[in-house]
Amino acid sequence: MTAAELELIATAHKDEASLTPEQSTKIKFLMSELKQVSAPVKNSIFSKLYRRNELRAMISYFNLPSLWFTLNPADNRNPLVAVLSGHTVDQAIALSIFERCKLIVDDPVAPCKYFYCCVNTFISILKGGIFGPLKAYYGIIETQGRGSLHIHMLIWLDEAPPNEIFANALLHDQVHRDNLCCYANSILSATITSAEKIPSICTSFPTTIENQQDIAQFDNIVSAIVQETNMHSASHNAACFKRNNKSCRFNFPRPCQERTTICLDSLDVVPTRNNPWINPYNKYIAYLFRCNHDIILITSGSDTKALIYYLTEYATKCELKTYELVSLMSAAYKDVEENSAVLMESDKTRKLLIRCLNKIGSVQEQPAQLVISDLLGYPTHYTDSTFASLNWLAIVKYIEDGDDDVTLLQQNPLYDRPVTKVLKTKFSVLTSA
């Protein structure tokens, strides 16, 4: 393949024209090679494909998740960021919102540390059972437009029934629907009291609850925090109307209702709501983190596919379009072709792959906090599951030829039988059908 051929392929992709079979074969091979080389590189576009495959593996193994959760720590409002930057507590509390924002820009290390502190704290209370017995979780870290970090997470709860049984019970069993509504009320809310707004989320709050008066005070404080952090703007913003949406894509305002119900058409859980602009929240998480967060109970409803798609396709998205990738690779080819006379064939291939990756990486914008997290060795995703990569070509060869020399009999932690026996059984079922 030459630089000229790649440029023709890039033009075809941009014009949405069809590729010839030969062009398709060549570009697929090149992309496959690039994936193999760059997948271990953190935050590269091809490393995101690994995250996507891991999520799909968990959905396949554990069934559909039980909860969707988003945590968006308020680094521009919380005084802990300033404390991590070297200020005293009193100095941190006294900072204005402008001074906090300036601090984040001048010292991206402090908000980065604050974010990971929040995530680690949340995972510890998640494992402690704030939503119930935990089976598994998978969270992917993403950046906002202003560069701050947040995390989207899928959560699997232990003892949750398979989705087919769950959906059937919701449709035909009122007791099951009542139990689900009761559980939803215990972990999320979309109501607030008429409490006055607090002066600041930096305000010191009680740390113990001992009587009914404390409970009432706790509810008032949570409502005040929610009004500061979990209210959708009545005037909306640009994000509400992405992709030429005529109405708010977050479905605000939402209708108020007096009790939590299950929509039998979609099987969605519709929480009790006394304000059309509240995003569902967990009162304990609101009290502890004092930041925007989102929690959705996943049934077999319409939200399920949308949330899984968002996390596996959108949150792991590649910022570059296909034709832009191919154009960058064409430029890399030109650079190598100019020096090909002095390079051996093996060196030429290695140089070509490295140059392609460098070209792609050079045009990718990386927020400062994401770069800092990489330099500090923080993870790009969180999960308690382990994954095993299988040599698919060797597996296919074993299944088709029965080659006993292929060593695939090591016990895989995801199964209670050797990999080959499981695959052979599945292959037989598929072929007999």
Protein backbone atom coordinates (compact mmCIF):
# COMPACT_ATOMS: atom_id res chain seq x y z
CA MET A 1 0.00 0.00 0.00
CA THR A 2 1.21 3.50 -0.86
CA ALA A 3 0.47 6.99 0.41
CA ALA A 4 -1.49 7.70 -2.77
CA GLU A 5 -3.71 4.66 -2.19
CA LEU A 6 -4.41 5.74 1.37
CA GLU A 7 -5.36 9.22 0.19
CA LEU A 8 -7.85 7.72 -2.26
CA ILE A 9 -9.36 5.63 0.56
CA ALA A 10 -9.59 8.72 2.80
CA THR A 11 -11.39 10.63 0.05
CA ALA A 12 -13.80 7.73 -0.47
CA HIS A 13 -14.62 7.63 3.25
CA LYS A 14 -15.15 11.39 3.37
CA ASP A 15 -17.48 11.28 0.35
CA GLU A 16 -19.19 8.15 1.74
CA ALA A 17 -18.26 6.26 -1.42
CA SER A 18 -17.74 2.48 -1.58
CA LEU A 19 -14.26 0.97 -1.42
CA THR A 20 -13.05 -1.71 -3.78
CA PRO A 21 -12.57 -5.20 -2.26
CA GLU A 22 -8.79 -4.76 -2.51
CA GLN A 23 -8.91 -1.38 -0.73
CA SER A 24 -11.12 -2.80 2.02
CA THR A 25 -8.75 -5.71 2.59
CA LYS A 26 -5.68 -3.48 2.76
CA ILE A 27 -7.13 -0.88 5.11
CA LYS A 28 -8.56 -3.54 7.44
CA PHE A 29 -5.14 -5.19 7.66
CA LEU A 30 -3.41 -1.88 8.39
CA MET A 31 -5.95 -0.94 11.07
CA SER A 32 -5.55 -4.38 12.64
CA GLU A 33 -1.78 -3.93 12.84
CA LEU A 34 -2.16 -0.49 14.40
CA LYS A 35 -4.60 -1.85 16.99
CA GLN A 36 -2.15 -4.56 18.01
CA VAL A 37 0.70 -2.07 18.42
CA SER A 38 -1.14 0.78 20.17
CA ALA A 39 -3.71 -1.05 22.32
CA PRO A 40 -1.41 -1.07 25.41
CA VAL A 41 -0.89 2.72 25.15
CA LYS A 42 -3.13 4.45 27.72
CA ASN A 43 -5.75 6.84 26.34
CA SER A 44 -4.93 5.99 22.72
CA ILE A 45 -7.91 5.62 20.39
CA PHE A 46 -7.24 1.90 19.97
CA SER A 47 -6.92 1.25 23.71
CA LYS A 48 -10.57 2.29 23.98
CA LEU A 49 -11.52 -0.72 21.89
CA TYR A 50 -10.19 -2.95 24.68
CA ARG A 51 -12.46 -1.18 27.18
CA ARG A 52 -15.40 -1.73 24.88
CA ASN A 53 -14.63 -5.43 24.49
CA GLU A 54 -14.26 -5.85 28.25
CA LEU A 55 -17.65 -4.25 28.83
CA ARG A 56 -19.27 -6.50 26.27
CA ALA A 57 -17.63 -9.51 27.90
CA MET A 58 -19.05 -8.52 31.31
CA ILE A 59 -22.53 -8.04 29.87
CA SER A 60 -22.27 -11.43 28.21
CA TYR A 61 -21.00 -13.13 31.38
CA PHE A 62 -22.98 -11.34 34.13
CA ASN A 63 -26.12 -10.52 32.11
CA LEU A 64 -27.38 -6.95 31.87
CA PRO A 65 -26.30 -4.62 34.72
CA SER A 66 -28.58 -3.48 37.53
CA LEU A 67 -27.58 0.17 37.88
CA TRP A 68 -26.07 3.04 35.93
CA PHE A 69 -24.15 5.57 37.99
CA THR A 70 -22.33 8.80 37.13
CA LEU A 71 -20.16 10.75 39.56
CA ASN A 72 -19.11 14.27 38.60
CA PRO A 73 -17.00 15.76 41.44
CA ALA A 74 -17.27 19.54 41.76
CA ASP A 75 -13.60 20.46 41.51
CA ASN A 76 -14.44 24.13 40.90
CA ARG A 77 -16.51 24.38 44.11
CA ASN A 78 -15.08 22.01 46.68
CA PRO A 79 -12.44 23.43 49.07
CA LEU A 80 -10.59 20.08 49.19
CA VAL A 81 -9.04 20.95 45.82
CA ALA A 82 -7.43 24.06 47.29
CA VAL A 83 -6.29 22.10 50.36
CA LEU A 84 -4.61 19.55 48.06
CA SER A 85 -2.96 22.49 46.30
CA GLY A 86 -1.34 23.68 49.55
CA HIS A 87 -3.88 26.09 51.04
CA THR A 88 -5.04 25.91 54.63
CA VAL A 89 -8.65 24.91 55.30
CA ASP A 90 -9.65 28.48 56.16
CA GLN A 91 -7.96 29.82 53.02
CA ALA A 92 -9.61 27.16 50.88
CA ILE A 93 -13.11 27.94 52.18
CA ALA A 94 -12.60 31.68 51.67
CA LEU A 95 -11.73 31.37 47.94
CA SER A 96 -14.24 32.78 45.44
CA ILE A 97 -15.55 30.73 42.51
CA PHE A 98 -13.24 32.68 40.17
CA GLU A 99 -10.22 31.92 42.36
CA ARG A 100 -11.16 28.22 42.46
CA CYS A 101 -11.41 28.06 38.66
CA LYS A 102 -8.08 29.85 38.30
CA LEU A 103 -6.53 27.39 40.75
CA ILE A 104 -7.73 24.43 38.63
CA VAL A 105 -6.11 25.93 35.54
CA ASP A 106 -2.85 26.83 37.29
CA ASP A 107 -2.54 23.54 39.19
CA PRO A 108 -4.26 20.62 37.37
CA VAL A 109 -2.60 18.13 39.74
CA ALA A 110 -4.82 19.13 42.69
CA PRO A 111 -8.22 18.55 40.94
CA CYS A 112 -6.86 15.32 39.49
CA LYS A 113 -5.96 14.01 42.95
CA TYR A 114 -9.32 15.20 44.28
CA PHE A 115 -11.20 13.32 41.56
CA TYR A 116 -9.43 10.01 42.21
CA CYS A 117 -9.91 10.47 45.94
CA CYS A 118 -13.67 10.80 45.31
CA VAL A 119 -13.76 7.76 43.01
CA ASN A 120 -11.84 5.55 45.44
CA THR A 121 -14.12 6.66 48.27
CA PHE A 122 -17.22 5.91 46.22
CA ILE A 123 -15.95 2.44 45.29
CA SER A 124 -15.29 1.67 48.95
CA ILE A 125 -18.89 2.52 49.90
CA LEU A 126 -20.13 0.68 46.80
CA LYS A 127 -18.37 -2.45 48.01
CA GLY A 128 -19.81 -1.77 51.46
CA GLY A 129 -23.30 -2.27 50.04
CA ILE A 130 -24.82 1.19 49.62
CA PHE A 131 -26.94 -0.19 46.75
CA GLY A 132 -27.03 -3.80 47.97
CA PRO A 133 -24.74 -6.85 47.66
CA LEU A 134 -22.26 -6.16 44.86
CA LYS A 135 -21.44 -8.65 42.11
CA ALA A 136 -19.32 -6.56 39.74
CA TYR A 137 -18.75 -3.04 38.42
CA TYR A 138 -17.06 -1.34 35.49
CA GLY A 139 -16.40 2.40 35.30
CA ILE A 140 -14.84 4.46 32.53
CA ILE A 141 -13.29 7.88 33.16
CA GLU A 142 -14.21 10.66 30.75
CA THR A 143 -13.52 14.38 30.48
CA GLN A 144 -15.96 17.25 30.19
CA GLY A 145 -15.66 20.06 27.69
CA ARG A 146 -13.76 22.14 30.27
CA GLY A 147 -11.34 19.28 30.91
CA SER A 148 -12.51 18.09 34.34
CA LEU A 149 -12.88 14.36 34.98
CA HIS A 150 -15.99 12.33 35.72
CA ILE A 151 -16.81 8.62 35.74
CA HIS A 152 -19.65 6.57 34.25
CA MET A 153 -20.20 3.18 35.83
CA LEU A 154 -22.28 0.06 35.23
CA ILE A 155 -23.04 -1.90 38.41
CA TRP A 156 -24.13 -5.54 38.71
CA LEU A 157 -25.87 -6.50 41.95
CA ASP A 158 -25.64 -9.96 43.46
CA GLU A 159 -28.77 -12.14 43.49
CA ALA A 160 -30.39 -10.02 40.77
CA PRO A 161 -32.56 -12.31 38.60
CA PRO A 162 -31.82 -12.83 34.88
CA ASN A 163 -33.40 -10.09 32.83
CA GLU A 164 -35.89 -12.39 31.10
CA ILE A 165 -37.28 -13.55 34.46
CA PHE A 166 -37.12 -10.01 35.82
CA ALA A 167 -39.07 -8.55 32.89
CA ASN A 168 -41.70 -11.29 33.03
CA ALA A 169 -42.20 -10.75 36.78
CA LEU A 170 -42.60 -6.99 36.32
CA LEU A 171 -45.24 -7.51 33.66
CA HIS A 172 -47.35 -10.05 35.52
CA ASP A 173 -46.68 -9.71 39.26
CA GLN A 174 -47.90 -6.64 41.17
CA VAL A 175 -46.04 -7.74 44.31
CA HIS A 176 -42.78 -7.82 42.34
CA ARG A 177 -43.49 -4.32 41.00
CA ASP A 178 -44.21 -3.04 44.50
CA ASN A 179 -40.97 -4.55 45.80
CA LEU A 180 -38.98 -2.95 42.99
CA CYS A 181 -40.57 0.45 43.68
CA CYS A 182 -39.72 0.06 47.36
CA TYR A 183 -36.08 -0.74 46.47
CA ALA A 184 -35.95 2.24 44.07
CA ASN A 185 -37.18 4.56 46.82
CA SER A 186 -34.41 3.29 49.11
CA ILE A 187 -31.55 4.13 46.73
CA LEU A 188 -32.72 7.13 44.69
CA SER A 189 -34.94 10.18 44.98
CA ALA A 190 -36.27 12.96 42.77
CA THR A 191 -37.89 15.08 45.47
CA ILE A 192 -36.75 17.99 47.60
CA THR A 193 -38.13 19.76 50.66
CA SER A 194 -38.83 23.48 50.76
CA ALA A 195 -35.55 24.09 52.54
CA GLU A 196 -33.75 27.34 51.86
CA LYS A 197 -30.61 27.17 49.81
CA ILE A 198 -27.38 26.81 51.77
CA PRO A 199 -24.81 29.64 51.51
CA SER A 200 -22.26 27.28 49.97
CA ILE A 201 -21.57 23.57 49.56
CA CYS A 202 -18.48 24.32 51.64
CA THR A 203 -20.74 24.73 54.68
CA SER A 204 -19.85 22.41 57.57
CA PHE A 205 -22.50 19.72 58.18
CA PRO A 206 -23.21 17.36 61.11
CA THR A 207 -21.60 13.92 60.84
CA THR A 208 -23.95 11.92 63.07
CA ILE A 209 -27.71 11.28 63.14
CA GLU A 210 -29.14 10.43 66.57
CA ASN A 211 -32.84 11.46 66.63
CA GLN A 212 -35.79 12.63 64.53
CA GLN A 213 -34.60 16.22 64.66
CA ASP A 214 -31.27 15.14 63.15
CA ILE A 215 -33.13 13.23 60.42
CA ALA A 216 -35.17 16.31 59.53
CA GLN A 217 -32.00 18.42 59.47
CA PHE A 218 -30.29 15.82 57.29
CA ASP A 219 -33.17 15.86 54.78
CA ASN A 220 -33.12 19.66 54.65
CA ILE A 221 -29.36 19.73 54.07
CA VAL A 222 -29.59 17.11 51.31
CA SER A 223 -32.36 19.08 49.59
CA ALA A 224 -30.25 22.23 49.78
CA ILE A 225 -27.24 20.42 48.27
CA VAL A 226 -29.40 18.94 45.49
CA GLN A 227 -30.68 22.40 44.58
CA GLU A 228 -27.06 23.46 44.15
CA THR A 229 -25.73 20.39 42.32
CA ASN A 230 -28.45 18.15 40.83
CA MET A 231 -30.93 20.55 39.25
CA HIS A 232 -31.17 20.78 35.47
CA SER A 233 -31.18 24.37 34.28
CA ALA A 234 -34.65 25.60 33.34
CA SER A 235 -33.01 27.58 30.52
CA HIS A 236 -31.15 24.44 29.31
CA ASN A 237 -27.70 24.63 27.70
CA ALA A 238 -25.98 23.75 24.43
CA ALA A 239 -25.52 20.10 25.44
CA CYS A 240 -29.31 19.67 25.62
CA PHE A 241 -29.68 20.17 21.88
CA LYS A 242 -26.75 18.23 20.43
CA ARG A 243 -27.24 16.42 17.11
CA ASN A 244 -29.98 18.86 16.07
CA ASN A 245 -32.39 17.78 18.83
CA LYS A 246 -35.47 20.00 18.89
CA SER A 247 -36.20 19.19 22.55
CA CYS A 248 -33.92 18.55 25.55
CA ARG A 249 -32.17 15.23 24.99
CA PHE A 250 -32.15 14.67 28.77
CA ASN A 251 -35.97 14.81 28.77
CA PHE A 252 -36.30 17.84 31.03
CA PRO A 253 -38.66 19.04 32.35
CA ARG A 254 -40.03 15.71 33.58
CA PRO A 255 -43.60 15.26 34.87
CA CYS A 256 -44.17 15.25 38.62
CA GLN A 257 -45.93 12.31 40.29
CA GLU A 258 -46.88 11.38 43.85
CA ARG A 259 -45.54 7.81 43.97
CA THR A 260 -42.92 5.64 42.29
CA THR A 261 -44.36 3.51 39.51
CA ILE A 262 -43.31 1.04 36.80
CA CYS A 263 -44.20 1.94 33.22
CA LEU A 264 -45.59 -1.32 31.80
CA ASP A 265 -44.89 -0.28 28.21
CA SER A 266 -41.14 0.21 28.69
CA LEU A 267 -40.68 -1.32 32.18
CA ASP A 268 -38.86 1.86 33.24
CA VAL A 269 -38.87 2.86 36.90
CA VAL A 270 -40.44 6.33 37.24
CA PRO A 271 -39.54 7.77 40.67
CA THR A 272 -41.64 10.00 42.89
CA ARG A 273 -41.04 13.60 41.76
CA ASN A 274 -42.13 16.98 43.12
CA ASN A 275 -39.91 19.14 40.91
CA PRO A 276 -39.66 18.74 37.11
CA TRP A 277 -35.98 19.77 36.98
CA ILE A 278 -34.40 17.38 39.52
CA ASN A 279 -31.97 14.72 38.33
CA PRO A 280 -32.41 11.51 40.41
CA TYR A 281 -29.91 11.33 43.26
CA ASN A 282 -28.89 9.25 46.26
CA LYS A 283 -29.21 11.29 49.45
CA TYR A 284 -26.17 9.74 51.17
CA ILE A 285 -23.93 10.28 48.14
CA ALA A 286 -25.22 13.85 47.82
CA TYR A 287 -24.46 14.48 51.51
CA LEU A 288 -20.98 12.97 51.29
CA PHE A 289 -19.69 14.23 47.93
CA ARG A 290 -21.78 17.42 47.50
CA CYS A 291 -21.60 17.15 43.72
CA ASN A 292 -23.64 16.28 40.68
CA HIS A 293 -24.34 12.58 40.22
CA ASP A 294 -26.85 10.40 38.43
CA ILE A 295 -28.33 7.03 39.31
CA ILE A 296 -30.68 4.96 37.15
CA LEU A 297 -32.19 1.60 38.01
CA ILE A 298 -31.90 -0.57 34.90
CA THR A 299 -34.72 -2.97 34.15
CA SER A 300 -35.50 -4.40 30.73
CA GLY A 301 -36.86 -0.99 29.78
CA SER A 302 -35.91 1.45 27.06
CA ASP A 303 -33.08 2.93 29.18
CA THR A 304 -31.11 -0.32 29.14
CA LYS A 305 -29.94 -0.29 25.53
CA ALA A 306 -29.39 3.47 25.55
CA LEU A 307 -27.16 3.39 28.65
CA ILE A 308 -25.13 0.40 27.51
CA TYR A 309 -24.69 2.02 24.10
CA TYR A 310 -23.56 5.27 25.74
CA LEU A 311 -20.92 3.56 27.85
CA THR A 312 -19.63 1.09 25.25
CA GLU A 313 -19.91 3.26 22.17
CA TYR A 314 -20.02 6.94 23.20
CA ALA A 315 -17.90 7.04 26.35
CA THR A 316 -15.24 4.96 24.57
CA LYS A 317 -15.64 6.93 21.35
CA CYS A 318 -12.83 7.79 18.95
CA GLU A 319 -12.63 11.56 18.48
CA LEU A 320 -11.27 11.23 14.92
CA LYS A 321 -13.41 10.30 11.94
CA THR A 322 -12.29 7.39 9.73
CA TYR A 323 -11.24 9.58 6.82
CA GLU A 324 -9.18 11.74 9.19
CA LEU A 325 -7.38 8.65 10.50
CA VAL A 326 -6.62 7.44 6.99
CA SER A 327 -5.39 10.89 5.90
CA LEU A 328 -2.99 10.96 8.86
CA MET A 329 -1.72 7.50 7.96
CA SER A 330 -1.23 8.68 4.36
CA ALA A 331 0.96 11.55 5.61
CA ALA A 332 2.96 9.06 7.71
CA TYR A 333 3.42 6.84 4.64
CA LYS A 334 4.78 9.80 2.67
CA ASP A 335 7.36 10.52 5.37
CA VAL A 336 8.56 6.92 5.38
CA GLU A 337 8.54 6.60 1.58
CA GLU A 338 10.90 9.55 1.30
CA ASN A 339 13.46 7.66 3.41
CA SER A 340 12.66 4.14 2.20
CA ALA A 341 15.86 3.86 0.18
CA VAL A 342 18.00 3.83 3.33
CA LEU A 343 15.77 1.51 5.35
CA MET A 344 15.64 -2.27 5.41
CA GLU A 345 12.19 -3.84 4.87
CA SER A 346 11.78 -4.86 8.54
CA ASP A 347 12.85 -1.40 9.72
CA LYS A 348 10.53 0.20 7.18
CA THR A 349 7.49 -1.67 8.57
CA ARG A 350 8.36 -0.80 12.17
CA LYS A 351 9.06 2.82 11.26
CA LEU A 352 5.79 3.01 9.36
CA LEU A 353 3.65 1.81 12.27
CA ILE A 354 5.40 4.11 14.73
CA ARG A 355 5.05 7.10 12.41
CA CYS A 356 1.33 6.38 11.88
CA LEU A 357 0.73 6.26 15.63
CA ASN A 358 2.73 9.44 16.20
CA LYS A 359 0.76 11.25 13.51
CA ILE A 360 -2.54 10.18 15.03
CA GLY A 361 -1.40 11.06 18.54
CA SER A 362 -0.14 14.49 17.48
CA VAL A 363 -3.62 15.72 16.52
CA GLN A 364 -5.45 14.33 19.54
CA GLU A 365 -6.22 16.91 22.20
CA GLN A 366 -5.69 15.64 25.74
CA PRO A 367 -7.05 17.62 28.71
CA ALA A 368 -4.45 18.57 31.32
CA GLN A 369 -6.09 16.51 34.09
CA LEU A 370 -6.13 13.41 31.87
CA VAL A 371 -2.42 13.86 31.10
CA ILE A 372 -1.64 14.39 34.80
CA SER A 373 -3.58 11.24 35.77
CA ASP A 374 -1.50 9.27 33.27
CA LEU A 375 1.77 10.72 34.60
CA LEU A 376 0.73 9.94 38.19
CA GLY A 377 -0.15 6.37 37.25
CA TYR A 378 -3.89 6.63 37.92
CA PRO A 379 -6.16 4.16 36.06
CA THR A 380 -8.28 5.04 33.03
CA HIS A 381 -11.04 2.71 34.18
CA TYR A 382 -12.16 0.85 37.31
CA THR A 383 -13.35 -2.74 37.61
CA ASP A 384 -13.11 -5.64 40.02
CA SER A 385 -13.20 -8.23 37.21
CA THR A 386 -10.27 -9.87 35.45
CA PHE A 387 -10.16 -10.67 31.75
CA ALA A 388 -8.40 -13.33 29.69
CA SER A 389 -7.42 -12.68 26.07
CA LEU A 390 -7.81 -15.72 23.84
CA ASN A 391 -5.94 -16.49 20.61
CA TRP A 392 -9.00 -16.78 18.44
CA LEU A 393 -7.14 -18.11 15.37
CA ALA A 394 -5.71 -20.96 17.43
CA ILE A 395 -9.16 -21.71 18.85
CA VAL A 396 -10.74 -21.83 15.39
CA LYS A 397 -7.93 -24.09 14.19
CA TYR A 398 -8.50 -26.43 17.11
CA ILE A 399 -12.26 -26.56 16.53
CA GLU A 400 -11.99 -27.10 12.79
CA ASP A 401 -9.04 -29.50 12.72
CA GLY A 402 -9.14 -31.07 16.17
CA ASP A 403 -5.45 -30.23 16.49
CA ASP A 404 -4.33 -31.72 19.80
CA ASP A 405 -1.01 -29.88 19.58
CA VAL A 406 -2.70 -26.54 20.25
CA THR A 407 -2.28 -25.81 23.95
CA LEU A 408 -5.61 -24.39 25.06
CA LEU A 409 -6.32 -26.61 28.02
CA GLN A 410 -5.30 -24.11 30.69
CA GLN A 411 -8.10 -23.43 33.13
CA ASN A 412 -9.76 -20.09 32.38
CA PRO A 413 -10.92 -18.22 35.52
CA LEU A 414 -14.18 -17.26 33.79
CA TYR A 415 -15.28 -20.87 33.37
CA ASP A 416 -15.48 -23.97 35.52
CA ARG A 417 -14.26 -26.17 32.64
CA PRO A 418 -11.30 -25.98 30.24
CA VAL A 419 -11.74 -23.39 27.49
CA THR A 420 -11.60 -25.93 24.68
CA LYS A 421 -14.43 -28.05 26.05
CA VAL A 422 -16.69 -25.03 26.51
CA LEU A 423 -15.93 -23.70 23.03
CA LYS A 424 -16.28 -27.13 21.45
CA THR A 425 -19.69 -27.54 23.08
CA LYS A 426 -20.87 -24.13 21.94
CA PHE A 427 -19.56 -24.74 18.42
CA SER A 428 -21.44 -28.04 18.21
CA VAL A 429 -24.69 -26.39 19.31
CA LEU A 430 -24.33 -23.63 16.75
CA THR A 431 -23.45 -25.93 13.86
CA SER A 432 -26.20 -28.45 14.65
CA ALA A 433 -28.76 -25.63 14.60
